[in-house]
Amino acid sequence: MTKKILGALLALFLLLAAVLAVNTLRKGSRQLPVEPLAPVAVDEVAAAQRLGAAVRLPTISARDDAQLSADQFQALHALLAQQFPRVHAQLQREVVGGLSLLYTWKGTDPQAKPVALLAHQDVVPIAPGTEGDWAVPPFSGAVKDGHIWGRGAWDDKGNLLSQLEAVEMLLAQGYQPPRTLYLAYGADEEVGGQRGAAQIAALLQSRGVQLDFVLDEGLLVLDGVMPGLARPAALIGVAEKGYMSVVLRLSATPGHSSMPPPKGTSAIAMLSAALKRLEDEQLPGGIRGVAAEMFDTLAPEMGGFSRVALSNLWLFGPLVQKQLEGAASTNALLRTTTALTIVNAGNKENVLPGRAEATVNFRLLPGDTKDGVLQHMRNQVSQAAPQDRFELFALPGAVEASKVAPTDSAQYRALQQTIREVFPDALVAPGLMVAGTDSIHYGAISDHVFKFSPIRANAEDLKRFHGTNERLSVQNYAEAIRFYHRLIPQVAKGAQ
């Protein structure tokens, strides 16, 4: 009997191993076969100096002060006009919302839907007290050790100027796009884009514009960041998570700290219990949607157990999900995240406050909604406090998650092809943008909105994003220029 059981178990094991092997091997590469492009000549030294000059202008934006750094934005506009004379002579330029820019390059085919390239002019401030930690002053724009240094070199003046460099080169070559091309450069992306991108998108919509293709900053060419992947991964953001901050306000009877109320009934106690529930009972996650497509695309390119596991999620799904949930960056791909960001309560050590409040920030996964998140929050808080003791309200600026751009489209294929031509060592896959971009405002006028920056980054580089010692290599900046120089003719082809 024991031998029969062992034999059955062995047969079952061999059958399982065979199924796993077949599933793994039948998932062939989904990479687009293309020939690498011969590098277009770029004057790297001159281009780097032009970007450095733009970085020297501290174009810092503020949510509540539209005129903050206005003189720096205007100086940037003048600098761009001086640096890119053909662009400013041959393209129409409009100022939108006070400081944002919209360039129009008229196409020859009036039947073809236009395309748009996005970037933003504004930068985040330097964290107080960290100025001395920079290898060079943060707004020096220095070109040193093969890099352009300073706040905005990467985010996002590198994208903005590389687009203009490419357009200037194409104009010099006599190129005329069949499709109309818009260059849209917001001035307040870092604070939500309401004065810039939102107004530009609304202006285009009022003119009846429907865009065939939109590309904004976004995911990167990641090198050595994806576990199990030996080659760089160029991830195209095909969707962007939504954004909502909710204020939770608890009320109780104020009093003297010498006579505290029953356990768990003070404003601070109820708030603490509510916040713990919100963090412990987050919205469910899963390997689905964009995340599932990303892993399905990259699985055949991986080695060892990573390839087997991702090719057989029917068996290894729970194990893979648990591993992904263990890191903040990959957990954000799987669920609507909950972040406790602000807490306010009390003003004197011997007084029980009558009110305590907190702000909770949610980044919404496509498929989840603002109303659904509010209901989830209400359900959890009601387990920690009576309903007549709390109120919830969303702060202004909340947005739903974007639509998901289809990956089986000519638009995605053109972007995929260009990346493979300019970055031949990279594997291309769709991904989810977990942070915010200006392109969230363009969903009403395009079904093909992508978020990708032609920037190479390793794990060490990622720490520089919005951080200390932000920089962009001169060589990579030249690659970015070549990327846009190739992409524009690809996506600006006339109606097929």
Protein backbone atom coordinates (compact mmCIF):
# COMPACT_ATOMS: atom_id res chain seq x y z
CA MET A 1 0.00 0.00 0.00
CA THR A 2 2.80 2.37 0.90
CA LYS A 3 4.56 1.66 -2.40
CA LYS A 4 1.36 2.42 -4.29
CA ILE A 5 0.98 5.74 -2.47
CA LEU A 6 4.60 6.64 -3.10
CA GLY A 7 4.23 5.66 -6.75
CA ALA A 8 1.11 7.79 -7.09
CA LEU A 9 2.82 10.74 -5.44
CA LEU A 10 5.84 10.35 -7.72
CA ALA A 11 3.61 10.22 -10.78
CA LEU A 12 1.74 13.29 -9.56
CA PHE A 13 5.02 15.11 -8.98
CA LEU A 14 6.31 14.22 -12.45
CA LEU A 15 3.03 15.32 -14.00
CA LEU A 16 3.19 18.64 -12.13
CA ALA A 17 6.81 19.16 -13.20
CA ALA A 18 5.86 18.46 -16.80
CA VAL A 19 2.96 20.92 -16.69
CA LEU A 20 5.21 23.60 -15.19
CA ALA A 21 7.88 22.99 -17.83
CA VAL A 22 5.39 23.10 -20.71
CA ASN A 23 3.75 26.28 -19.41
CA THR A 24 7.15 27.91 -18.95
CA LEU A 25 8.55 26.96 -22.35
CA ARG A 26 5.45 27.78 -24.36
CA LYS A 27 5.56 31.40 -23.22
CA GLY A 28 7.78 32.77 -25.96
CA SER A 29 9.32 36.23 -26.05
CA ARG A 30 6.89 39.08 -26.69
CA GLN A 31 9.64 41.49 -27.68
CA LEU A 32 9.27 43.26 -30.99
CA PRO A 33 12.11 42.23 -33.31
CA VAL A 34 13.74 45.38 -34.68
CA GLU A 35 17.10 46.43 -36.03
CA PRO A 36 19.05 48.81 -33.78
CA LEU A 37 19.12 52.33 -35.18
CA ALA A 38 22.40 53.88 -36.20
CA PRO A 39 22.92 56.72 -33.69
CA VAL A 40 22.01 60.15 -35.05
CA ALA A 41 24.80 62.69 -34.63
CA VAL A 42 24.20 64.88 -31.57
CA ASP A 43 26.50 67.64 -30.33
CA GLU A 44 26.51 66.24 -26.80
CA VAL A 45 28.61 69.02 -25.28
CA ALA A 46 26.45 71.83 -26.62
CA ALA A 47 23.21 70.04 -25.76
CA ALA A 48 24.41 69.39 -22.21
CA GLN A 49 25.30 73.05 -21.78
CA ARG A 50 21.84 74.10 -22.95
CA LEU A 51 20.19 71.78 -20.44
CA GLY A 52 22.52 73.06 -17.72
CA ALA A 53 21.45 76.64 -18.46
CA ALA A 54 17.79 75.62 -17.99
CA VAL A 55 18.58 73.84 -14.72
CA ARG A 56 20.13 77.04 -13.36
CA LEU A 57 16.66 78.62 -13.27
CA PRO A 58 14.86 77.46 -10.08
CA THR A 59 11.35 77.13 -11.50
CA ILE A 60 9.72 75.98 -8.27
CA SER A 61 5.93 75.77 -8.28
CA ALA A 62 3.42 76.12 -5.45
CA ARG A 63 -0.16 74.94 -5.18
CA ASP A 64 -1.47 78.14 -3.61
CA ASP A 65 0.79 80.76 -5.19
CA ALA A 66 0.59 80.88 -8.98
CA GLN A 67 3.18 83.65 -9.11
CA LEU A 68 5.87 81.89 -7.12
CA SER A 69 9.05 81.89 -9.25
CA ALA A 70 7.16 83.61 -12.10
CA ASP A 71 10.32 85.53 -13.02
CA GLN A 72 12.23 82.24 -13.28
CA PHE A 73 9.61 80.68 -15.55
CA GLN A 74 9.67 83.77 -17.77
CA ALA A 75 13.46 83.61 -17.87
CA LEU A 76 13.17 79.97 -18.93
CA HIS A 77 10.78 80.94 -21.73
CA ALA A 78 13.26 83.54 -22.96
CA LEU A 79 16.10 81.01 -22.73
CA LEU A 80 14.17 78.46 -24.80
CA ALA A 81 13.45 81.06 -27.45
CA GLN A 82 17.15 81.87 -27.64
CA GLN A 83 18.33 78.26 -27.61
CA PHE A 84 15.82 76.89 -30.15
CA PRO A 85 15.36 79.57 -32.81
CA ARG A 86 13.83 77.31 -35.49
CA VAL A 87 11.20 76.01 -33.07
CA HIS A 88 10.19 79.54 -32.17
CA ALA A 89 10.24 80.75 -35.75
CA GLN A 90 8.24 77.89 -37.30
CA LEU A 91 5.94 76.61 -34.54
CA GLN A 92 3.07 78.54 -33.02
CA ARG A 93 3.61 79.26 -29.34
CA GLU A 94 0.85 80.03 -26.82
CA VAL A 95 1.08 80.83 -23.13
CA VAL A 96 -1.68 79.06 -21.19
CA GLY A 97 -2.67 79.66 -17.57
CA GLY A 98 -0.06 82.36 -17.15
CA LEU A 99 3.15 80.31 -17.33
CA SER A 100 2.51 77.07 -19.24
CA LEU A 101 3.50 76.68 -22.90
CA LEU A 102 1.75 75.08 -25.86
CA TYR A 103 3.61 74.76 -29.17
CA THR A 104 1.79 73.73 -32.37
CA TRP A 105 3.63 72.23 -35.34
CA LYS A 106 1.06 72.14 -38.11
CA GLY A 107 0.86 68.89 -40.06
CA THR A 108 0.27 68.43 -43.77
CA ASP A 109 -2.56 65.91 -43.39
CA PRO A 110 -5.71 67.62 -42.05
CA GLN A 111 -7.50 64.23 -41.75
CA ALA A 112 -4.93 62.80 -39.34
CA LYS A 113 -5.46 63.09 -35.61
CA PRO A 114 -2.71 65.13 -33.90
CA VAL A 115 -0.14 63.81 -31.45
CA ALA A 116 1.27 65.42 -28.31
CA LEU A 117 4.50 65.26 -26.35
CA LEU A 118 4.32 66.48 -22.76
CA ALA A 119 6.86 67.63 -20.20
CA HIS A 120 6.85 70.11 -17.35
CA GLN A 121 8.89 73.18 -16.53
CA ASP A 122 8.56 73.20 -12.74
CA VAL A 123 10.75 71.45 -10.21
CA VAL A 124 10.44 70.47 -6.57
CA PRO A 125 12.31 72.53 -3.98
CA ILE A 126 15.44 71.37 -2.21
CA ALA A 127 14.72 69.82 1.19
CA PRO A 128 15.77 72.41 3.79
CA GLY A 129 19.07 71.61 5.40
CA THR A 130 20.25 69.26 2.63
CA GLU A 131 21.81 71.86 0.35
CA GLY A 132 25.28 71.03 1.65
CA ASP A 133 24.82 67.34 0.84
CA TRP A 134 24.94 68.00 -2.90
CA ALA A 135 28.16 67.25 -4.77
CA VAL A 136 27.57 70.50 -6.66
CA PRO A 137 25.12 73.32 -5.80
CA PRO A 138 21.61 72.08 -6.62
CA PHE A 139 20.85 74.79 -9.19
CA SER A 140 24.32 75.03 -10.69
CA GLY A 141 23.45 73.14 -13.87
CA ALA A 142 27.09 72.05 -13.86
CA VAL A 143 28.31 69.64 -16.52
CA LYS A 144 30.80 67.57 -14.56
CA ASP A 145 32.09 63.99 -14.56
CA GLY A 146 29.94 63.10 -17.56
CA HIS A 147 26.65 64.33 -16.01
CA ILE A 148 24.41 67.38 -16.02
CA TRP A 149 23.83 68.11 -12.34
CA GLY A 150 21.01 69.87 -10.56
CA ARG A 151 17.34 69.92 -9.66
CA GLY A 152 15.30 69.34 -12.81
CA ALA A 153 18.06 67.79 -14.91
CA TRP A 154 16.14 64.52 -14.74
CA ASP A 155 12.68 65.68 -13.62
CA ASP A 156 11.69 67.03 -16.04
CA LYS A 157 13.76 69.55 -17.96
CA GLY A 158 15.74 66.67 -19.44
CA ASN A 159 12.59 65.50 -21.22
CA LEU A 160 11.48 69.01 -22.15
CA LEU A 161 14.74 70.12 -23.70
CA SER A 162 15.47 66.79 -25.40
CA GLN A 163 12.11 67.12 -27.18
CA LEU A 164 12.99 70.64 -28.31
CA GLU A 165 16.47 69.51 -29.36
CA ALA A 166 14.88 66.80 -31.52
CA VAL A 167 12.35 69.18 -33.08
CA GLU A 168 15.09 71.73 -33.79
CA MET A 169 17.11 69.02 -35.55
CA LEU A 170 14.12 67.84 -37.60
CA LEU A 171 13.34 71.40 -38.65
CA ALA A 172 16.95 71.87 -39.74
CA GLN A 173 16.60 68.73 -41.87
CA GLY A 174 13.45 70.11 -43.53
CA TYR A 175 11.11 67.57 -41.96
CA GLN A 176 7.38 68.39 -41.98
CA PRO A 177 5.06 66.13 -39.98
CA PRO A 178 1.91 64.77 -41.65
CA ARG A 179 0.12 64.90 -38.29
CA THR A 180 0.01 68.09 -36.27
CA LEU A 181 2.34 67.84 -33.28
CA TYR A 182 1.70 69.60 -29.98
CA LEU A 183 4.39 70.22 -27.39
CA ALA A 184 2.66 70.90 -24.07
CA TYR A 185 4.76 72.11 -21.16
CA GLY A 186 2.94 72.70 -17.88
CA ALA A 187 4.30 74.92 -15.13
CA ASP A 188 2.72 73.27 -12.10
CA GLU A 189 2.92 69.48 -12.56
CA GLU A 190 4.59 69.02 -9.19
CA VAL A 191 1.50 70.46 -7.47
CA GLY A 192 -1.21 68.77 -9.54
CA GLY A 193 -1.19 70.53 -12.92
CA GLN A 194 -4.50 72.37 -12.49
CA ARG A 195 -3.19 75.67 -13.87
CA GLY A 196 -1.09 74.07 -16.59
CA ALA A 197 -1.88 70.66 -18.06
CA ALA A 198 -5.54 70.77 -17.07
CA GLN A 199 -6.01 74.10 -18.81
CA ILE A 200 -4.04 73.05 -21.90
CA ALA A 201 -6.11 69.87 -22.23
CA ALA A 202 -9.33 71.85 -21.77
CA LEU A 203 -8.20 74.36 -24.40
CA LEU A 204 -7.49 71.59 -26.92
CA GLN A 205 -10.83 69.94 -26.13
CA SER A 206 -12.66 73.24 -26.66
CA ARG A 207 -11.08 73.35 -30.13
CA GLY A 208 -12.39 69.88 -30.91
CA VAL A 209 -8.96 68.23 -30.75
CA GLN A 210 -8.77 64.46 -30.26
CA LEU A 211 -5.22 63.20 -29.91
CA ASP A 212 -4.07 59.99 -31.56
CA PHE A 213 -1.04 59.63 -29.26
CA VAL A 214 0.16 61.28 -26.05
CA LEU A 215 3.52 60.73 -24.38
CA ASP A 216 4.45 62.21 -21.01
CA GLU A 217 7.19 61.58 -18.48
CA GLY A 218 6.84 58.33 -16.63
CA LEU A 219 8.47 54.95 -16.21
CA LEU A 220 12.11 54.44 -17.08
CA VAL A 221 14.73 52.16 -18.57
CA LEU A 222 15.51 50.27 -15.37
CA ASP A 223 18.85 48.50 -15.14
CA GLY A 224 19.41 45.90 -12.43
CA VAL A 225 16.19 46.84 -10.66
CA MET A 226 13.84 44.02 -11.73
CA PRO A 227 14.66 40.79 -9.83
CA GLY A 228 15.40 37.84 -12.11
CA LEU A 229 15.99 40.04 -15.16
CA ALA A 230 19.53 40.33 -16.50
CA ARG A 231 18.77 42.99 -19.14
CA PRO A 232 17.40 46.52 -18.62
CA ALA A 233 13.61 46.82 -18.64
CA ALA A 234 12.03 49.75 -20.44
CA LEU A 235 8.59 50.04 -18.87
CA ILE A 236 5.87 51.98 -20.68
CA GLY A 237 3.25 53.39 -18.35
CA VAL A 238 -0.10 52.49 -19.92
CA ALA A 239 -2.11 53.73 -16.96
CA GLU A 240 -1.72 56.02 -13.98
CA LYS A 241 -3.05 55.54 -10.50
CA GLY A 242 -5.64 57.96 -9.21
CA TYR A 243 -5.04 60.32 -6.31
CA MET A 244 -7.17 61.24 -3.32
CA SER A 245 -6.43 62.63 0.11
CA VAL A 246 -9.16 62.25 2.73
CA VAL A 247 -9.43 64.11 6.01
CA LEU A 248 -10.73 62.05 8.93
CA ARG A 249 -12.01 64.17 11.81
CA LEU A 250 -12.94 62.68 15.22
CA SER A 251 -14.77 64.62 17.93
CA ALA A 252 -15.17 64.02 21.67
CA THR A 253 -15.93 66.01 24.80
CA PRO A 254 -12.88 68.06 25.80
CA GLY A 255 -11.75 67.90 29.39
CA HIS A 256 -8.95 67.84 31.93
CA SER A 257 -6.30 65.16 31.60
CA SER A 258 -6.67 64.33 35.30
CA MET A 259 -10.08 62.81 34.57
CA PRO A 260 -9.73 60.94 31.28
CA PRO A 261 -12.83 59.31 29.74
CA PRO A 262 -13.33 55.53 29.49
CA LYS A 263 -10.72 53.65 27.51
CA GLY A 264 -10.87 54.20 23.75
CA THR A 265 -13.37 57.08 23.80
CA SER A 266 -11.13 60.15 23.65
CA ALA A 267 -10.68 61.85 20.29
CA ILE A 268 -7.05 60.75 20.07
CA ALA A 269 -7.81 57.16 21.07
CA MET A 270 -10.57 56.85 18.48
CA LEU A 271 -8.38 58.41 15.82
CA SER A 272 -5.51 56.04 16.65
CA ALA A 273 -7.79 53.00 16.48
CA ALA A 274 -9.27 54.18 13.19
CA LEU A 275 -5.86 54.77 11.62
CA LYS A 276 -4.67 51.34 12.73
CA ARG A 277 -7.68 49.72 11.08
CA LEU A 278 -7.10 51.66 7.86
CA GLU A 279 -3.48 50.51 7.73
CA ASP A 280 -4.25 46.91 8.73
CA GLU A 281 -7.33 46.46 6.51
CA GLN A 282 -6.26 47.94 3.19
CA LEU A 283 -8.11 47.42 -0.04
CA PRO A 284 -7.35 43.97 -1.50
CA GLY A 285 -4.49 43.58 -3.93
CA GLY A 286 -3.70 41.08 -6.62
CA ILE A 287 -1.61 40.31 -9.69
CA ARG A 288 -4.15 41.53 -12.22
CA GLY A 289 -4.67 44.18 -14.85
CA VAL A 290 -1.55 46.10 -15.86
CA ALA A 291 0.66 44.31 -13.31
CA ALA A 292 -0.36 40.91 -14.70
CA GLU A 293 0.40 42.00 -18.27
CA MET A 294 3.78 43.40 -17.23
CA PHE A 295 4.86 40.18 -15.53
CA ASP A 296 3.45 38.08 -18.36
CA THR A 297 5.54 40.10 -20.83
CA LEU A 298 8.74 39.88 -18.80
CA ALA A 299 8.41 36.25 -17.64
CA PRO A 300 9.92 34.69 -20.81
CA GLU A 301 12.96 36.98 -20.45
CA MET A 302 13.73 35.93 -16.89
CA GLY A 303 15.92 33.15 -15.65
CA GLY A 304 15.61 30.39 -13.07
CA PHE A 305 12.72 30.13 -10.68
CA SER A 306 11.50 33.67 -11.48
CA ARG A 307 10.60 32.53 -14.98
CA VAL A 308 8.90 29.37 -13.77
CA ALA A 309 6.91 31.16 -11.05
CA LEU A 310 5.71 34.03 -13.27
CA SER A 311 4.81 31.62 -16.05
CA ASN A 312 2.70 29.56 -13.64
CA LEU A 313 0.82 32.04 -11.48
CA TRP A 314 -2.07 29.57 -11.24
CA LEU A 315 0.18 27.69 -8.80
CA PHE A 316 2.70 30.23 -7.55
CA GLY A 317 0.43 33.31 -7.53
CA PRO A 318 0.04 33.53 -3.72
CA LEU A 319 3.79 33.10 -3.19
CA VAL A 320 4.68 35.71 -5.82
CA GLN A 321 2.08 38.13 -4.49
CA LYS A 322 3.40 37.81 -0.95
CA GLN A 323 6.91 38.55 -2.16
CA LEU A 324 5.75 41.57 -4.19
CA GLU A 325 3.78 42.92 -1.25
CA GLY A 326 6.96 42.88 0.82
CA ALA A 327 8.48 45.82 -1.07
CA ALA A 328 6.86 49.24 -1.23
CA SER A 329 7.56 49.74 -4.95
CA THR A 330 6.00 46.46 -6.07
CA ASN A 331 3.19 46.49 -3.50
CA ALA A 332 2.03 49.75 -5.12
CA LEU A 333 1.52 47.87 -8.40
CA LEU A 334 -0.95 45.48 -6.82
CA ARG A 335 -3.43 47.61 -4.89
CA THR A 336 -4.85 50.98 -4.01
CA THR A 337 -2.34 52.07 -1.39
CA THR A 338 -3.15 53.70 1.94
CA ALA A 339 -0.67 56.20 3.39
CA LEU A 340 -1.14 57.98 6.73
CA THR A 341 0.44 61.37 6.05
CA ILE A 342 -0.79 64.05 8.51
CA VAL A 343 -2.03 63.89 12.11
CA ASN A 344 -3.19 66.83 14.24
CA ALA A 345 -4.56 66.68 17.78
CA GLY A 346 -4.28 68.64 21.00
CA ASN A 347 -2.40 71.79 21.96
CA LYS A 348 -1.66 71.41 25.69
CA GLU A 349 -0.29 68.50 27.64
CA ASN A 350 -2.96 68.54 30.38
CA VAL A 351 -6.04 69.09 28.17
CA LEU A 352 -8.04 66.40 26.41
CA PRO A 353 -8.73 67.75 22.91
CA GLY A 354 -12.25 67.87 21.58
CA ARG A 355 -11.06 67.17 18.07
CA ALA A 356 -8.40 65.04 16.39
CA GLU A 357 -7.87 64.70 12.69
CA ALA A 358 -5.67 62.96 10.17
CA THR A 359 -5.12 63.06 6.44
CA VAL A 360 -4.90 59.77 4.59
CA ASN A 361 -3.56 59.64 1.04
CA PHE A 362 -4.79 56.98 -1.40
CA ARG A 363 -3.33 56.12 -4.79
CA LEU A 364 -6.14 54.43 -6.68
CA LEU A 365 -5.55 51.34 -8.78
CA PRO A 366 -7.39 51.32 -12.14
CA GLY A 367 -10.73 49.68 -11.40
CA ASP A 368 -11.09 51.24 -7.94
CA THR A 369 -13.00 54.52 -7.60
CA LYS A 370 -13.00 57.53 -5.30
CA ASP A 371 -16.50 56.66 -4.07
CA GLY A 372 -15.45 53.08 -3.40
CA VAL A 373 -12.41 54.19 -1.40
CA LEU A 374 -14.50 56.59 0.67
CA GLN A 375 -16.96 53.80 1.44
CA HIS A 376 -14.12 51.46 2.41
CA MET A 377 -12.72 54.14 4.70
CA ARG A 378 -16.15 54.79 6.24
CA ASN A 379 -16.62 51.07 6.90
CA GLN A 380 -13.26 50.74 8.65
CA VAL A 381 -13.54 53.89 10.75
CA SER A 382 -17.02 52.92 11.92
CA GLN A 383 -15.42 49.87 13.58
CA ALA A 384 -13.31 52.20 15.72
CA ALA A 385 -15.67 55.09 16.47
CA PRO A 386 -19.41 55.79 16.58
CA GLN A 387 -20.69 57.23 13.31
CA ASP A 388 -21.84 60.43 14.99
CA ARG A 389 -18.29 61.05 16.20
CA PHE A 390 -16.47 61.19 12.88
CA GLU A 391 -16.65 62.84 9.49
CA LEU A 392 -14.77 62.25 6.24
CA PHE A 393 -14.17 64.58 3.33
CA ALA A 394 -11.88 64.48 0.32
CA LEU A 395 -9.47 67.34 -0.25
CA PRO A 396 -9.56 69.23 -3.58
CA GLY A 397 -7.50 67.78 -6.41
CA ALA A 398 -8.70 64.19 -6.21
CA VAL A 399 -8.67 62.34 -9.55
CA GLU A 400 -9.78 58.89 -10.62
CA ALA A 401 -7.25 56.44 -12.01
CA SER A 402 -6.65 56.91 -15.72
CA LYS A 403 -7.93 54.73 -18.50
CA VAL A 404 -5.63 51.89 -19.51
CA ALA A 405 -4.07 52.48 -22.92
CA PRO A 406 -4.32 49.35 -25.10
CA THR A 407 -1.07 47.54 -25.82
CA ASP A 408 -2.42 45.84 -28.96
CA SER A 409 -2.53 49.18 -30.80
CA ALA A 410 -0.45 50.78 -33.53
CA GLN A 411 0.32 53.61 -31.10
CA TYR A 412 1.85 51.31 -28.49
CA ARG A 413 3.71 49.42 -31.19
CA ALA A 414 5.29 52.63 -32.54
CA LEU A 415 6.52 53.54 -29.06
CA GLN A 416 7.74 50.00 -28.42
CA GLN A 417 9.60 49.96 -31.73
CA THR A 418 11.31 53.29 -31.07
CA ILE A 419 12.48 52.18 -27.63
CA ARG A 420 13.88 48.94 -29.06
CA GLU A 421 15.67 50.85 -31.84
CA VAL A 422 17.28 53.44 -29.58
CA PHE A 423 17.79 51.20 -26.51
CA PRO A 424 18.56 47.84 -28.21
CA ASP A 425 19.72 46.24 -24.95
CA ALA A 426 16.38 46.89 -23.25
CA LEU A 427 13.29 44.71 -22.94
CA VAL A 428 9.99 46.56 -23.32
CA ALA A 429 6.89 45.87 -21.22
CA PRO A 430 3.78 47.76 -20.13
CA GLY A 431 3.72 49.10 -16.60
CA LEU A 432 1.67 51.10 -14.13
CA MET A 433 2.60 54.67 -13.21
CA VAL A 434 2.15 54.86 -9.44
CA ALA A 435 3.00 58.58 -9.12
CA GLY A 436 1.21 61.50 -10.76
CA THR A 437 1.87 63.13 -14.13
CA ASP A 438 0.35 65.91 -16.21
CA SER A 439 -1.03 63.33 -18.62
CA ILE A 440 -3.78 62.37 -16.14
CA HIS A 441 -5.61 65.44 -17.49
CA TYR A 442 -5.59 64.21 -21.11
CA GLY A 443 -7.87 61.18 -20.77
CA ALA A 444 -10.87 63.00 -22.24
CA ILE A 445 -9.06 63.74 -25.51
CA SER A 446 -7.08 60.55 -26.12
CA ASP A 447 -7.33 56.79 -25.58
CA HIS A 448 -3.61 56.33 -26.11
CA VAL A 449 -1.84 58.12 -23.27
CA PHE A 450 1.58 56.72 -22.37
CA LYS A 451 4.01 57.58 -19.58
CA PHE A 452 7.64 56.88 -20.42
CA SER A 453 10.90 58.77 -19.97
CA PRO A 454 13.90 57.66 -22.07
CA ILE A 455 16.09 57.80 -18.99
CA ARG A 456 18.32 54.96 -17.80
CA ALA A 457 18.28 54.38 -14.05
CA ASN A 458 19.65 51.84 -11.61
CA ALA A 459 18.72 51.40 -7.97
CA GLU A 460 21.19 54.06 -6.87
CA ASP A 461 19.90 56.54 -9.44
CA LEU A 462 16.32 56.14 -8.21
CA LYS A 463 17.31 57.65 -4.86
CA ARG A 464 18.21 60.88 -6.66
CA PHE A 465 14.67 61.40 -7.99
CA HIS A 466 13.27 64.33 -5.98
CA GLY A 467 16.32 63.79 -3.79
CA THR A 468 19.90 64.89 -3.36
CA ASN A 469 22.37 64.95 -6.27
CA GLU A 470 19.82 64.73 -9.06
CA ARG A 471 21.67 64.34 -12.33
CA LEU A 472 21.44 63.03 -15.88
CA SER A 473 24.37 61.56 -17.76
CA VAL A 474 25.43 63.41 -20.90
CA GLN A 475 25.43 60.13 -22.82
CA ASN A 476 21.91 59.28 -21.68
CA TYR A 477 20.72 62.80 -22.51
CA ALA A 478 22.00 62.29 -26.06
CA GLU A 479 20.06 59.00 -26.16
CA ALA A 480 16.92 60.87 -25.11
CA ILE A 481 17.37 63.36 -27.95
CA ARG A 482 17.82 60.49 -30.42
CA PHE A 483 14.72 58.82 -28.98
CA TYR A 484 12.48 61.82 -29.65
CA HIS A 485 14.16 62.45 -33.01
CA ARG A 486 13.09 58.94 -34.06
CA LEU A 487 9.72 58.87 -32.27
CA ILE A 488 8.27 62.05 -33.78
CA PRO A 489 8.34 60.80 -37.41
CA GLN A 490 7.06 57.40 -36.22
CA VAL A 491 3.95 58.73 -34.47
CA ALA A 492 3.40 61.70 -36.79
CA LYS A 493 2.81 59.56 -39.87
CA GLY A 494 -0.42 60.45 -41.66
CA ALA A 495 -3.64 58.45 -41.50
CA GLN A 496 -3.04 54.91 -42.77
